[in-house]
C-alpha atoms as a PDB file:
ATOM      1  CA  MET A   1     175.874  82.169 135.555  1.00  0.00           C
ATOM      2  CA  ASN A   2     178.654  84.350 138.384  1.00  0.00           C
ATOM      3  CA  ASP A   3     181.320  81.229 138.449  1.00  0.00           C
ATOM      4  CA  ALA A   4     182.911  82.725 141.292  1.00  0.00           C
ATOM      5  CA  GLY A   5     180.295  83.021 143.417  1.00  0.00           C
ATOM      6  CA  LEU A   6     178.575  79.501 142.241  1.00  0.00           C
ATOM      7  CA  ARG A   7     181.601  77.921 143.795  1.00  0.00           C
ATOM      8  CA  ARG A   8     181.992  79.748 146.765  1.00  0.00           C
ATOM      9  CA  GLY A   9     178.668  79.339 147.703  1.00  0.00           C
ATOM     10  CA  LEU A  10     179.110  75.449 147.344  1.00  0.00           C
ATOM     11  CA  LEU A  11     182.643  75.072 148.923  1.00  0.00           C
ATOM     12  CA  SER A  12     181.454  76.975 151.854  1.00  0.00           C
ATOM     13  CA  TRP A  13     178.327  74.527 152.375  1.00  0.00           C
ATOM     14  CA  TYR A  14     180.485  71.478 151.500  1.00  0.00           C
ATOM     15  CA  ARG A  15     182.674  72.126 153.968  1.00  0.00           C
ATOM     16  CA  ARG A  16     180.321  72.669 156.613  1.00  0.00           C
ATOM     17  CA  ALA A  17     178.113  70.074 155.983  1.00  0.00           C
ATOM     18  CA  LYS A  18     179.989  67.164 153.992  1.00  0.00           C
ATOM     19  CA  ARG A  19     179.317  63.616 155.214  1.00  0.00           C
ATOM     20  CA  ASP A  20     182.140  61.798 157.118  1.00  0.00           C
ATOM     21  CA  LEU A  21     183.004  59.312 154.647  1.00  0.00           C
ATOM     22  CA  PRO A  22     185.962  56.552 155.536  1.00  0.00           C
ATOM     23  CA  TRP A  23     187.622  57.401 151.966  1.00  0.00           C
ATOM     24  CA  ARG A  24     187.641  61.485 153.003  1.00  0.00           C
ATOM     25  CA  ARG A  25     189.634  60.942 156.140  1.00  0.00           C
ATOM     26  CA  ASP A  26     192.972  60.054 154.737  1.00  0.00           C
ATOM     27  CA  PRO A  27     192.645  60.278 150.915  1.00  0.00           C
ATOM     28  CA  THR A  28     195.642  58.704 149.603  1.00  0.00           C
ATOM     29  CA  PRO A  29     195.829  57.428 145.737  1.00  0.00           C
ATOM     30  CA  TYR A  30     194.845  53.881 146.958  1.00  0.00           C
ATOM     31  CA  ARG A  31     192.404  54.518 148.917  1.00  0.00           C
ATOM     32  CA  VAL A  32     190.313  57.131 146.830  1.00  0.00           C
ATOM     33  CA  TRP A  33     190.618  54.663 143.636  1.00  0.00           C
ATOM     34  CA  VAL A  34     188.946  51.808 145.645  1.00  0.00           C
ATOM     35  CA  SER A  35     186.118  53.907 147.134  1.00  0.00           C
ATOM     36  CA  GLU A  36     185.808  55.326 143.303  1.00  0.00           C
ATOM     37  CA  ILE A  37     185.700  51.898 142.019  1.00  0.00           C
ATOM     38  CA  MET A  38     183.327  50.253 144.644  1.00  0.00           C
ATOM     39  CA  LEU A  39     181.032  53.034 144.542  1.00  0.00           C
ATOM     40  CA  GLN A  40     180.240  52.776 141.028  1.00  0.00           C
ATOM     41  CA  GLN A  41     176.450  51.873 140.754  1.00  0.00           C
ATOM     42  CA  THR A  42     176.230  51.210 144.157  1.00  0.00           C
ATOM     43  CA  THR A  43     175.309  53.029 147.107  1.00  0.00           C
ATOM     44  CA  VAL A  44     177.677  54.880 150.370  1.00  0.00           C
ATOM     45  CA  ALA A  45     175.570  52.647 152.609  1.00  0.00           C
ATOM     46  CA  ALA A  46     176.267  49.240 150.804  1.00  0.00           C
ATOM     47  CA  VAL A  47     179.989  50.498 149.871  1.00  0.00           C
ATOM     48  CA  THR A  48     181.224  52.046 153.310  1.00  0.00           C
ATOM     49  CA  PRO A  49     181.318  48.536 155.833  1.00  0.00           C
ATOM     50  CA  LYS A  50     182.780  46.638 152.662  1.00  0.00           C
ATOM     51  CA  TYR A  51     185.421  49.315 151.939  1.00  0.00           C
ATOM     52  CA  GLU A  52     186.794  49.485 155.301  1.00  0.00           C
ATOM     53  CA  ALA A  53     187.035  45.465 155.452  1.00  0.00           C
ATOM     54  CA  PHE A  54     188.476  45.154 152.279  1.00  0.00           C
ATOM     55  CA  LEU A  55     191.260  48.356 153.140  1.00  0.00           C
ATOM     56  CA  ARG A  56     191.772  45.405 156.199  1.00  0.00           C
ATOM     57  CA  ARG A  57     192.527  43.020 153.953  1.00  0.00           C
ATOM     58  CA  PHE A  58     194.414  44.926 151.050  1.00  0.00           C
ATOM     59  CA  PRO A  59     195.720  47.831 152.768  1.00  0.00           C
ATOM     60  CA  THR A  60     198.093  48.542 150.147  1.00  0.00           C
ATOM     61  CA  VAL A  61     197.675  48.866 146.302  1.00  0.00           C
ATOM     62  CA  ALA A  62     200.955  45.917 146.618  1.00  0.00           C
ATOM     63  CA  SER A  63     198.668  43.970 148.748  1.00  0.00           C
ATOM     64  CA  LEU A  64     195.764  44.226 146.444  1.00  0.00           C
ATOM     65  CA  ALA A  65     198.842  42.868 143.294  1.00  0.00           C
ATOM     66  CA  SER A  66     199.855  39.978 145.281  1.00  0.00           C
ATOM     67  CA  SER A  67     195.892  38.536 146.058  1.00  0.00           C
ATOM     68  CA  ARG A  68     194.646  35.608 144.249  1.00  0.00           C
ATOM     69  CA  GLU A  69     191.259  36.731 142.238  1.00  0.00           C
ATOM     70  CA  ASP A  70     189.303  34.113 144.328  1.00  0.00           C
ATOM     71  CA  GLU A  71     190.437  36.223 147.543  1.00  0.00           C
ATOM     72  CA  VAL A  72     189.343  39.600 146.120  1.00  0.00           C
ATOM     73  CA  LEU A  73     186.384  38.221 145.012  1.00  0.00           C
ATOM     74  CA  LYS A  74     185.402  36.747 148.304  1.00  0.00           C
ATOM     75  CA  HIS A  75     186.078  40.499 149.801  1.00  0.00           C
ATOM     76  CA  TRP A  76     183.798  42.321 147.206  1.00  0.00           C
ATOM     77  CA  ALA A  77     181.043  39.827 147.919  1.00  0.00           C
ATOM     78  CA  GLY A  78     177.296  41.786 148.214  1.00  0.00           C
ATOM     79  CA  LEU A  79     178.775  44.860 146.120  1.00  0.00           C
ATOM     80  CA  GLY A  80     178.015  43.041 142.467  1.00  0.00           C
ATOM     81  CA  TYR A  81     179.279  43.687 139.390  1.00  0.00           C
ATOM     82  CA  TYR A  82     182.169  41.707 140.046  1.00  0.00           C
ATOM     83  CA  SER A  83     183.736  42.947 136.955  1.00  0.00           C
ATOM     84  CA  ARG A  84     184.813  46.017 139.191  1.00  0.00           C
ATOM     85  CA  ALA A  85     186.556  43.748 141.731  1.00  0.00           C
ATOM     86  CA  ARG A  86     189.065  41.807 138.915  1.00  0.00           C
ATOM     87  CA  ASN A  87     189.556  44.911 137.203  1.00  0.00           C
ATOM     88  CA  LEU A  88     190.887  46.725 140.429  1.00  0.00           C
ATOM     89  CA  ARG A  89     193.052  43.319 140.989  1.00  0.00           C
ATOM     90  CA  ARG A  90     194.406  43.702 137.233  1.00  0.00           C
ATOM     91  CA  ALA A  91     194.999  47.492 137.603  1.00  0.00           C
ATOM     92  CA  ALA A  92     197.162  46.843 140.854  1.00  0.00           C
ATOM     93  CA  LEU A  93     199.225  44.202 139.411  1.00  0.00           C
ATOM     94  CA  ALA A  94     199.811  47.114 136.565  1.00  0.00           C
ATOM     95  CA  VAL A  95     200.879  50.100 139.203  1.00  0.00           C
ATOM     96  CA  VAL A  96     203.430  47.529 140.661  1.00  0.00           C
ATOM     97  CA  ALA A  97     204.792  46.331 137.197  1.00  0.00           C
ATOM     98  CA  GLY A  98     204.753  49.233 135.225  1.00  0.00           C
ATOM     99  CA  HIS A  99     204.726  52.165 138.280  1.00  0.00           C
ATOM    100  CA  GLY A 100     207.003  50.507 140.908  1.00  0.00           C
ATOM    101  CA  GLY A 101     203.916  49.998 143.477  1.00  0.00           C
ATOM    102  CA  ARG A 102     203.332  53.927 143.452  1.00  0.00           C
ATOM    103  CA  PHE A 103     199.873  55.318 141.678  1.00  0.00           C
ATOM    104  CA  PRO A 104     200.432  57.240 138.790  1.00  0.00           C
ATOM    105  CA  SER A 105     199.540  61.273 138.924  1.00  0.00           C
ATOM    106  CA  GLU A 106     199.156  61.837 134.876  1.00  0.00           C
ATOM    107  CA  LEU A 107     196.034  61.224 133.174  1.00  0.00           C
ATOM    108  CA  ALA A 108     197.306  59.355 130.586  1.00  0.00           C
ATOM    109  CA  PRO A 109     198.713  56.589 132.581  1.00  0.00           C
ATOM    110  CA  VAL A 110     195.829  56.709 134.903  1.00  0.00           C
ATOM    111  CA  LEU A 111     193.642  55.990 131.984  1.00  0.00           C
ATOM    112  CA  ALA A 112     195.642  53.273 130.860  1.00  0.00           C
ATOM    113  CA  LEU A 113     194.393  51.111 134.084  1.00  0.00           C
ATOM    114  CA  PRO A 114     191.865  48.382 133.719  1.00  0.00           C
ATOM    115  CA  GLY A 115     188.623  49.977 135.036  1.00  0.00           C
ATOM    116  CA  VAL A 116     189.631  53.524 135.030  1.00  0.00           C
ATOM    117  CA  GLY A 117     187.782  55.682 132.690  1.00  0.00           C
ATOM    118  CA  ARG A 118     187.620  60.073 132.598  1.00  0.00           C
ATOM    119  CA  TYR A 119     185.348  60.194 135.647  1.00  0.00           C
ATOM    120  CA  THR A 120     187.320  57.743 137.807  1.00  0.00           C
ATOM    121  CA  ALA A 121     190.649  59.094 136.441  1.00  0.00           C
ATOM    122  CA  GLY A 122     189.222  62.617 137.117  1.00  0.00           C
ATOM    123  CA  ALA A 123     188.456  62.037 140.941  1.00  0.00           C
ATOM    124  CA  ILE A 124     191.528  60.144 141.737  1.00  0.00           C
ATOM    125  CA  LEU A 125     193.487  63.235 140.336  1.00  0.00           C
ATOM    126  CA  SER A 126     191.624  66.179 141.916  1.00  0.00           C
ATOM    127  CA  ILE A 127     190.931  64.805 145.177  1.00  0.00           C
ATOM    128  CA  ALA A 128     194.317  62.195 145.581  1.00  0.00           C
ATOM    129  CA  PHE A 129     196.517  64.442 143.838  1.00  0.00           C
ATOM    130  CA  GLN A 130     195.160  67.618 143.807  1.00  0.00           C
ATOM    131  CA  LYS A 131     195.276  68.306 140.290  1.00  0.00           C
ATOM    132  CA  PRO A 132     192.249  70.796 138.236  1.00  0.00           C
ATOM    133  CA  PHE A 133     190.572  67.501 136.410  1.00  0.00           C
ATOM    134  CA  PRO A 134     186.848  67.893 136.070  1.00  0.00           C
ATOM    135  CA  LEU A 135     184.591  64.746 136.685  1.00  0.00           C
ATOM    136  CA  VAL A 136     180.685  64.086 135.443  1.00  0.00           C
ATOM    137  CA  ASP A 137     178.947  61.414 137.047  1.00  0.00           C
ATOM    138  CA  GLY A 138     174.971  60.627 137.808  1.00  0.00           C
ATOM    139  CA  ASN A 139     175.039  63.600 140.275  1.00  0.00           C
ATOM    140  CA  VAL A 140     177.046  66.053 138.621  1.00  0.00           C
ATOM    141  CA  ILE A 141     175.067  65.534 135.573  1.00  0.00           C
ATOM    142  CA  ARG A 142     171.734  65.914 137.697  1.00  0.00           C
ATOM    143  CA  VAL A 143     173.351  69.093 139.272  1.00  0.00           C
ATOM    144  CA  PHE A 144     174.158  70.610 135.877  1.00  0.00           C
ATOM    145  CA  SER A 145     171.068  69.924 134.135  1.00  0.00           C
ATOM    146  CA  ARG A 146     169.337  71.930 137.005  1.00  0.00           C
ATOM    147  CA  LEU A 147     171.830  74.716 137.181  1.00  0.00           C
ATOM    148  CA  PHE A 148     172.303  75.647 133.968  1.00  0.00           C
ATOM    149  CA  GLY A 149     168.221  74.727 133.112  1.00  0.00           C
ATOM    150  CA  LEU A 150     169.737  71.830 130.305  1.00  0.00           C
ATOM    151  CA  LYS A 151     166.843  69.722 129.280  1.00  0.00           C
ATOM    152  CA  GLY A 152     168.037  65.898 128.203  1.00  0.00           C
ATOM    153  CA  ARG A 153     167.878  62.422 129.678  1.00  0.00           C
ATOM    154  CA  ALA A 154     170.966  61.736 132.201  1.00  0.00           C
ATOM    155  CA  LYS A 155     171.458  58.434 130.848  1.00  0.00           C
ATOM    156  CA  ASP A 156     171.707  59.799 127.392  1.00  0.00           C
ATOM    157  CA  PRO A 157     175.612  59.945 126.542  1.00  0.00           C
ATOM    158  CA  ALA A 158     175.338  62.823 124.299  1.00  0.00           C
ATOM    159  CA  PHE A 159     173.297  64.550 127.269  1.00  0.00           C
ATOM    160  CA  ALA A 160     176.290  63.460 129.386  1.00  0.00           C
ATOM    161  CA  ALA A 161     179.052  64.380 127.035  1.00  0.00           C
ATOM    162  CA  ARG A 162     177.508  68.296 127.179  1.00  0.00           C
ATOM    163  CA  MET A 163     178.680  68.214 130.956  1.00  0.00           C
ATOM    164  CA  TRP A 164     182.009  67.661 130.542  1.00  0.00           C
ATOM    165  CA  PRO A 165     183.038  71.335 129.192  1.00  0.00           C
ATOM    166  CA  LEU A 166     181.320  72.685 131.733  1.00  0.00           C
ATOM    167  CA  ALA A 167     182.635  70.803 134.464  1.00  0.00           C
ATOM    168  CA  GLU A 168     186.221  71.511 132.878  1.00  0.00           C
ATOM    169  CA  ARG A 169     184.893  75.594 133.174  1.00  0.00           C
ATOM    170  CA  LEU A 170     184.181  75.041 136.601  1.00  0.00           C
ATOM    171  CA  VAL A 171     186.865  72.492 138.399  1.00  0.00           C
ATOM    172  CA  PRO A 172     189.144  75.194 140.029  1.00  0.00           C
ATOM    173  CA  LYS A 173     193.255  75.477 140.145  1.00  0.00           C
ATOM    174  CA  THR A 174     192.789  75.497 143.966  1.00  0.00           C
ATOM    175  CA  GLY A 175     191.394  72.924 145.707  1.00  0.00           C
ATOM    176  CA  PRO A 176     190.138  70.805 142.416  1.00  0.00           C
ATOM    177  CA  GLY A 177     189.462  68.210 145.344  1.00  0.00           C
ATOM    178  CA  ASP A 178     187.031  69.479 147.337  1.00  0.00           C
ATOM    179  CA  TRP A 179     184.977  71.510 144.426  1.00  0.00           C
ATOM    180  CA  ASN A 180     184.238  68.024 142.644  1.00  0.00           C
ATOM    181  CA  GLN A 181     183.178  66.305 145.623  1.00  0.00           C
ATOM    182  CA  ALA A 182     181.361  69.278 146.717  1.00  0.00           C
ATOM    183  CA  LEU A 183     179.367  68.652 143.310  1.00  0.00           C
ATOM    184  CA  MET A 184     178.437  64.957 143.837  1.00  0.00           C
ATOM    185  CA  GLU A 185     177.591  65.756 147.480  1.00  0.00           C
ATOM    186  CA  LEU A 186     175.418  68.464 146.389  1.00  0.00           C
ATOM    187  CA  GLY A 187     173.426  65.713 144.256  1.00  0.00           C
ATOM    188  CA  ALA A 188     173.571  62.975 146.461  1.00  0.00           C
ATOM    189  CA  THR A 189     172.120  64.484 149.672  1.00  0.00           C
ATOM    190  CA  VAL A 190     170.354  67.892 148.177  1.00  0.00           C
ATOM    191  CA  CYS A 191     169.453  68.050 144.648  1.00  0.00           C
ATOM    192  CA  THR A 192     168.273  64.272 144.846  1.00  0.00           C
ATOM    193  CA  PRO A 193     166.218  62.898 141.696  1.00  0.00           C
ATOM    194  CA  ASP A 194     163.226  63.150 143.646  1.00  0.00           C
ATOM    195  CA  SER A 195     162.220  65.801 145.261  1.00  0.00           C
ATOM    196  CA  PRO A 196     164.923  67.960 145.755  1.00  0.00           C
ATOM    197  CA  SER A 197     165.702  70.052 148.848  1.00  0.00           C
ATOM    198  CA  CYS A 198     165.767  73.678 147.388  1.00  0.00           C
ATOM    199  CA  GLY A 199     164.953  75.278 150.574  1.00  0.00           C
ATOM    200  CA  ALA A 200     168.595  73.705 151.769  1.00  0.00           C
ATOM    201  CA  CYS A 201     170.420  74.310 148.574  1.00  0.00           C
ATOM    202  CA  PRO A 202     173.442  76.979 148.812  1.00  0.00           C
ATOM    203  CA  VAL A 203     173.136  78.008 145.214  1.00  0.00           C
ATOM    204  CA  THR A 204     169.455  78.260 144.247  1.00  0.00           C
ATOM    205  CA  ALA A 205     170.222  81.815 143.464  1.00  0.00           C
ATOM    206  CA  HIS A 206     172.565  80.260 140.954  1.00  0.00           C
ATOM    207  CA  CYS A 207     170.181  77.788 139.619  1.00  0.00           C
ATOM    208  CA  ALA A 208     167.706  78.033 136.398  1.00  0.00           C
ATOM    209  CA  ALA A 209     165.798  75.272 136.962  1.00  0.00           C
ATOM    210  CA  PHE A 210     165.169  76.612 139.965  1.00  0.00           C
ATOM    211  CA  ALA A 211     164.452  79.836 138.783  1.00  0.00           C
ATOM    212  CA  LYS A 212     161.839  79.104 136.323  1.00  0.00           C
ATOM    213  CA  GLY A 213     160.307  75.873 138.750  1.00  0.00           C
ATOM    214  CA  LEU A 214     161.652  72.989 136.554  1.00  0.00           C
ATOM    215  CA  GLN A 215     163.454  71.292 139.266  1.00  0.00           C
ATOM    216  CA  ASP A 216     161.472  68.479 139.562  1.00  0.00           C
ATOM    217  CA  ARG A 217     161.525  67.901 135.965  1.00  0.00           C
ATOM    218  CA  LEU A 218     165.114  67.886 135.047  1.00  0.00           C
ATOM    219  CA  PRO A 219     166.954  66.218 133.980  1.00  0.00           C
ATOM    220  CA  LEU A 220     164.193  64.592 131.635  1.00  0.00           C
ATOM    221  CA  PRO A 221     162.432  60.986 132.921  1.00  0.00           C
ATOM    222  CA  GLU A 222     164.202  58.010 131.772  1.00  0.00           C
ATOM    223  CA  PRO A 223     162.174  55.784 129.466  1.00  0.00           C
ATOM    224  CA  ALA A 224     160.683  52.886 131.934  1.00  0.00           C
ATOM    225  CA  ARG A 225     162.313  49.541 131.355  1.00  0.00           C
ATOM    226  CA  ALA A 226     160.344  46.259 131.861  1.00  0.00           C
ATOM    227  CA  PRO A 227     162.118  43.960 133.661  1.00  0.00           C
ATOM    228  CA  VAL A 228     163.456  40.605 131.814  1.00  0.00           C
ATOM    229  CA  PRO A 229     162.375  37.615 133.938  1.00  0.00           C
ATOM    230  CA  VAL A 230     164.779  35.038 134.077  1.00  0.00           C
ATOM    231  CA  ALA A 231     163.808  31.369 135.640  1.00  0.00           C
ATOM    232  CA  TRP A 232     167.211  29.106 136.957  1.00  0.00           C
ATOM    233  CA  THR A 233     166.984  25.799 138.142  1.00  0.00           C
ATOM    234  CA  CYS A 234     170.198  25.239 140.705  1.00  0.00           C
ATOM    235  CA  LEU A 235     171.262  22.211 142.160  1.00  0.00           C
ATOM    236  CA  TRP A 236     172.524  20.823 145.612  1.00  0.00           C
ATOM    237  CA  ILE A 237     174.428  17.866 145.164  1.00  0.00           C
ATOM    238  CA  GLU A 238     176.734  16.876 148.231  1.00  0.00           C
ATOM    239  CA  ARG A 239     178.420  13.686 148.807  1.00  0.00           C
ATOM    240  CA  GLY A 240     180.369  13.128 151.792  1.00  0.00           C
ATOM    241  CA  GLY A 241     180.493  16.410 153.475  1.00  0.00           C
ATOM    242  CA  LYS A 242     181.326  18.174 150.209  1.00  0.00           C
ATOM    243  CA  VAL A 243     178.939  20.047 147.596  1.00  0.00           C
ATOM    244  CA  LEU A 244     179.369  20.459 143.765  1.00  0.00           C
ATOM    245  CA  LEU A 245     179.892  23.828 142.551  1.00  0.00           C
ATOM    246  CA  TRP A 246     180.282  24.959 139.268  1.00  0.00           C
ATOM    247  CA  ARG A 247     182.468  28.166 137.712  1.00  0.00           C
ATOM    248  CA  ARG A 248     180.717  29.850 135.284  1.00  0.00           C
ATOM    249  CA  SER A 249     181.703  30.827 132.087  1.00  0.00           C
ATOM    250  CA  ASP A 250     182.200  34.146 130.291  1.00  0.00           C
ATOM    251  CA  LYS A 251     179.703  33.292 128.234  1.00  0.00           C
ATOM    252  CA  GLU A 252     176.894  33.501 130.666  1.00  0.00           C
ATOM    253  CA  ARG A 253     174.612  36.631 130.496  1.00  0.00           C
ATOM    254  CA  LEU A 254     174.746  36.864 134.379  1.00  0.00           C
ATOM    255  CA  LEU A 255     177.634  36.389 137.063  1.00  0.00           C
ATOM    256  CA  LYS A 256     180.066  35.568 134.286  1.00  0.00           C
ATOM    257  CA  ASN A 257     183.042  34.007 135.717  1.00  0.00           C
ATOM    258  CA  LEU A 258     182.009  33.335 139.160  1.00  0.00           C
ATOM    259  CA  TRP A 259     181.265  30.152 140.876  1.00  0.00           C
ATOM    260  CA  GLY A 260     178.037  29.244 142.025  1.00  0.00           C
ATOM    261  CA  LEU A 261     175.623  26.169 141.985  1.00  0.00           C
ATOM    262  CA  PRO A 262     175.200  23.954 139.115  1.00  0.00           C
ATOM    263  CA  MET A 263     172.651  24.898 136.810  1.00  0.00           C
ATOM    264  CA  ALA A 264     170.058  21.824 135.561  1.00  0.00           C
ATOM    265  CA  GLY A 265     171.542  20.598 132.226  1.00  0.00           C
ATOM    266  CA  SER A 266     175.027  21.638 133.527  1.00  0.00           C
ATOM    267  CA  VAL A 267     175.872  18.295 134.829  1.00  0.00           C
ATOM    268  CA  ALA A 268     174.408  15.080 134.130  1.00  0.00           C
ATOM    269  CA  ALA A 269     171.768  15.036 137.257  1.00  0.00           C
ATOM    270  CA  THR A 270     168.234  15.619 137.749  1.00  0.00           C
ATOM    271  CA  PRO A 271     166.402  17.468 139.959  1.00  0.00           C
ATOM    272  CA  GLY A 272     164.724  16.166 142.438  1.00  0.00           C
ATOM    273  CA  ARG A 273     163.231  17.533 145.767  1.00  0.00           C
ATOM    274  CA  LEU A 274     162.506  21.681 146.035  1.00  0.00           C
ATOM    275  CA  LEU A 275     164.798  22.933 148.815  1.00  0.00           C
ATOM    276  CA  ALA A 276     164.154  26.309 148.513  1.00  0.00           C
ATOM    277  CA  LYS A 277     163.266  29.484 146.342  1.00  0.00           C
ATOM    278  CA  ALA A 278     164.338  32.983 146.056  1.00  0.00           C
ATOM    279  CA  SER A 279     164.078  36.473 143.876  1.00  0.00           C
ATOM    280  CA  HIS A 280     166.683  38.307 142.892  1.00  0.00           C
ATOM    281  CA  SER A 281     167.465  41.350 140.935  1.00  0.00           C
ATOM    282  CA  ILE A 282     170.836  41.664 138.668  1.00  0.00           C
ATOM    283  CA  THR A 283     170.661  45.113 136.599  1.00  0.00           C
ATOM    284  CA  PHE A 284     167.094  45.036 134.579  1.00  0.00           C
ATOM    285  CA  HIS A 285     166.919  40.846 135.318  1.00  0.00           C
ATOM    286  CA  ALA A 286     164.370  40.041 137.445  1.00  0.00           C
ATOM    287  CA  LEU A 287     164.864  35.888 138.658  1.00  0.00           C
ATOM    288  CA  ALA A 288     163.068  33.381 139.851  1.00  0.00           C
ATOM    289  CA  VAL A 289     165.426  30.786 140.990  1.00  0.00           C
ATOM    290  CA  GLU A 290     164.557  27.320 142.399  1.00  0.00           C
ATOM    291  CA  LEU A 291     167.278  25.149 144.448  1.00  0.00           C
ATOM    292  CA  ARG A 292     166.480  21.624 144.172  1.00  0.00           C
ATOM    293  CA  GLU A 293     168.080  18.136 145.368  1.00  0.00           C
ATOM    294  CA  ALA A 294     169.868  16.145 142.951  1.00  0.00           C
ATOM    295  CA  ALA A 295     172.403  13.538 142.965  1.00  0.00           C
ATOM    296  CA  PHE A 296     175.516  13.107 140.688  1.00  0.00           C
ATOM    297  CA  GLU A 297     178.234   9.959 140.338  1.00  0.00           C
ATOM    298  CA  GLY A 298     181.421  10.020 138.681  1.00  0.00           C
ATOM    299  CA  ALA A 299     183.867  12.399 138.290  1.00  0.00           C
ATOM    300  CA  PRO A 300     183.080  16.536 137.919  1.00  0.00           C
ATOM    301  CA  PRO A 301     183.472  18.250 134.285  1.00  0.00           C
ATOM    302  CA  PRO A 302     186.537  20.532 134.567  1.00  0.00           C
ATOM    303  CA  GLU A 303     184.237  23.484 135.210  1.00  0.00           C
ATOM    304  CA  ALA A 304     183.197  22.067 138.515  1.00  0.00           C
ATOM    305  CA  LYS A 305     184.551  21.068 141.751  1.00  0.00           C
ATOM    306  CA  TRP A 306     183.898  19.527 145.099  1.00  0.00           C
ATOM    307  CA  VAL A 307     184.092  21.833 148.082  1.00  0.00           C
ATOM    308  CA  PRO A 308     183.813  21.029 151.792  1.00  0.00           C
ATOM    309  CA  ARG A 309     180.439  22.264 152.963  1.00  0.00           C
ATOM    310  CA  GLY A 310     181.993  24.608 155.151  1.00  0.00           C
ATOM    311  CA  LYS A 311     184.013  26.664 152.647  1.00  0.00           C
ATOM    312  CA  ILE A 312     181.373  27.246 150.330  1.00  0.00           C
ATOM    313  CA  GLY A 313     180.914  30.705 151.266  1.00  0.00           C
ATOM    314  CA  ASP A 314     184.586  31.210 150.068  1.00  0.00           C
ATOM    315  CA  TYR A 315     183.598  30.593 146.481  1.00  0.00           C
ATOM    316  CA  LEU A 316     179.455  31.751 145.881  1.00  0.00           C
ATOM    317  CA  VAL A 317     179.906  35.444 146.279  1.00  0.00           C
ATOM    318  CA  SER A 318     176.963  36.580 145.008  1.00  0.00           C
ATOM    319  CA  SER A 319     174.173  37.790 147.541  1.00  0.00           C
ATOM    320  CA  LEU A 320     171.884  35.597 145.094  1.00  0.00           C
ATOM    321  CA  TRP A 321     173.422  32.162 146.586  1.00  0.00           C
ATOM    322  CA  LEU A 322     172.995  34.030 150.559  1.00  0.00           C
ATOM    323  CA  LYS A 323     169.365  34.202 149.668  1.00  0.00           C
ATOM    324  CA  LEU A 324     168.843  30.572 148.053  1.00  0.00           C
ATOM    325  CA  LEU A 325     170.820  28.809 151.056  1.00  0.00           C
ATOM    326  CA  LYS A 326     169.942  30.696 153.951  1.00  0.00           C
ATOM    327  CA  GLY A 327     169.333  27.751 156.678  1.00  0.00           C
ATOM    328  CA  ARG A 328     171.009  25.326 154.664  1.00  0.00           C
END
C-alpha cells in the first residue's frame, strides 16, 4: 500500500467533508477529553446537545473537580454508562491535585487518569496536543479491516490488537489529530458497518476489500447474542409530597450506585395498584418494568431517602425512570 497516497487522499477529503462538531471548533485538551469520554458507546447525535450543556455547567477541569458527583450524574443523564461520568470527575480531581489543573501532555500520566485507556489517550494527545499517537476504535478497526483485507470480528480483542501496529505506522508526525479524526470520520460516514458508500470513498484505490468485492463482508459479522430478559417491579411510595428513593448498591447487575425507585422486596412495603409499565434496554439486557403504588411506614433504611416530588428528577438520571414516570 502507498501510505503517502492514502494519507493525502484521506486528509484532503476530511478537510473538505468533515462534520461541524462542537468539540472540533476549539479542541482544547479538556474539551477533547470530555467529548471522547461521552462518545464511548454513544452516538454523535445523542452526545452533541449533552456535550454543549455539560460544558456550560462545567467549563473547566477545575469546575468539574469542585462539583458533587450527584450533580455530574444529573448533567450526564440520558447518556448511560454512568461509570464514565464518575471516572470523568475522578480524573478531574487527579488533574487538579497532581497536575495543577493543567491536563498532562505525556502518555504515561494521561493513561494514569481514571477512565482513560489507550484509545482515549491517543485521541487527546493527537488532537489537542498534535503529538503523533495512534488510536484504534470501532470505526478504525472496520476501516483497516477493509483497507488491508483483514478477516476477523471487530469486537475480538485479538483482532483489534492487530490494528495498533497499522495505526502506529500510518499516523503522521505533522497533523496527527486531523489524520486520526479522518479515519474515524470515514468509518462513521462512508465506510459504515452496513452497505458502505464506496462510490463516495476517497481511498477506494487503496482498499483491498473493494478490489476483491469483499467490502460488505469485512469485518466478519459478530455472533448474534440473545437479549437477557429482566423483570422489575418498582414501588411508588409517596408521603406528604415526598417520594421514597433508593440508592442502588455497587453489587447490582444494572444501574449500579445510582438513585432509583425502590424495588419490591427492598423495603417493607407491599406492591399494590399498577401505575405504569415500561420496556427498556441496557447493554444486552431487555427490561420489563412495572411501577406499582405502595405504602411504607416508619423510618427509611440507610440506602433510602425521602425526596420532594419536584426534586426527584435531580436524582433519577437514567432514561428508564423518565419512561416509567412520564405523566406523573
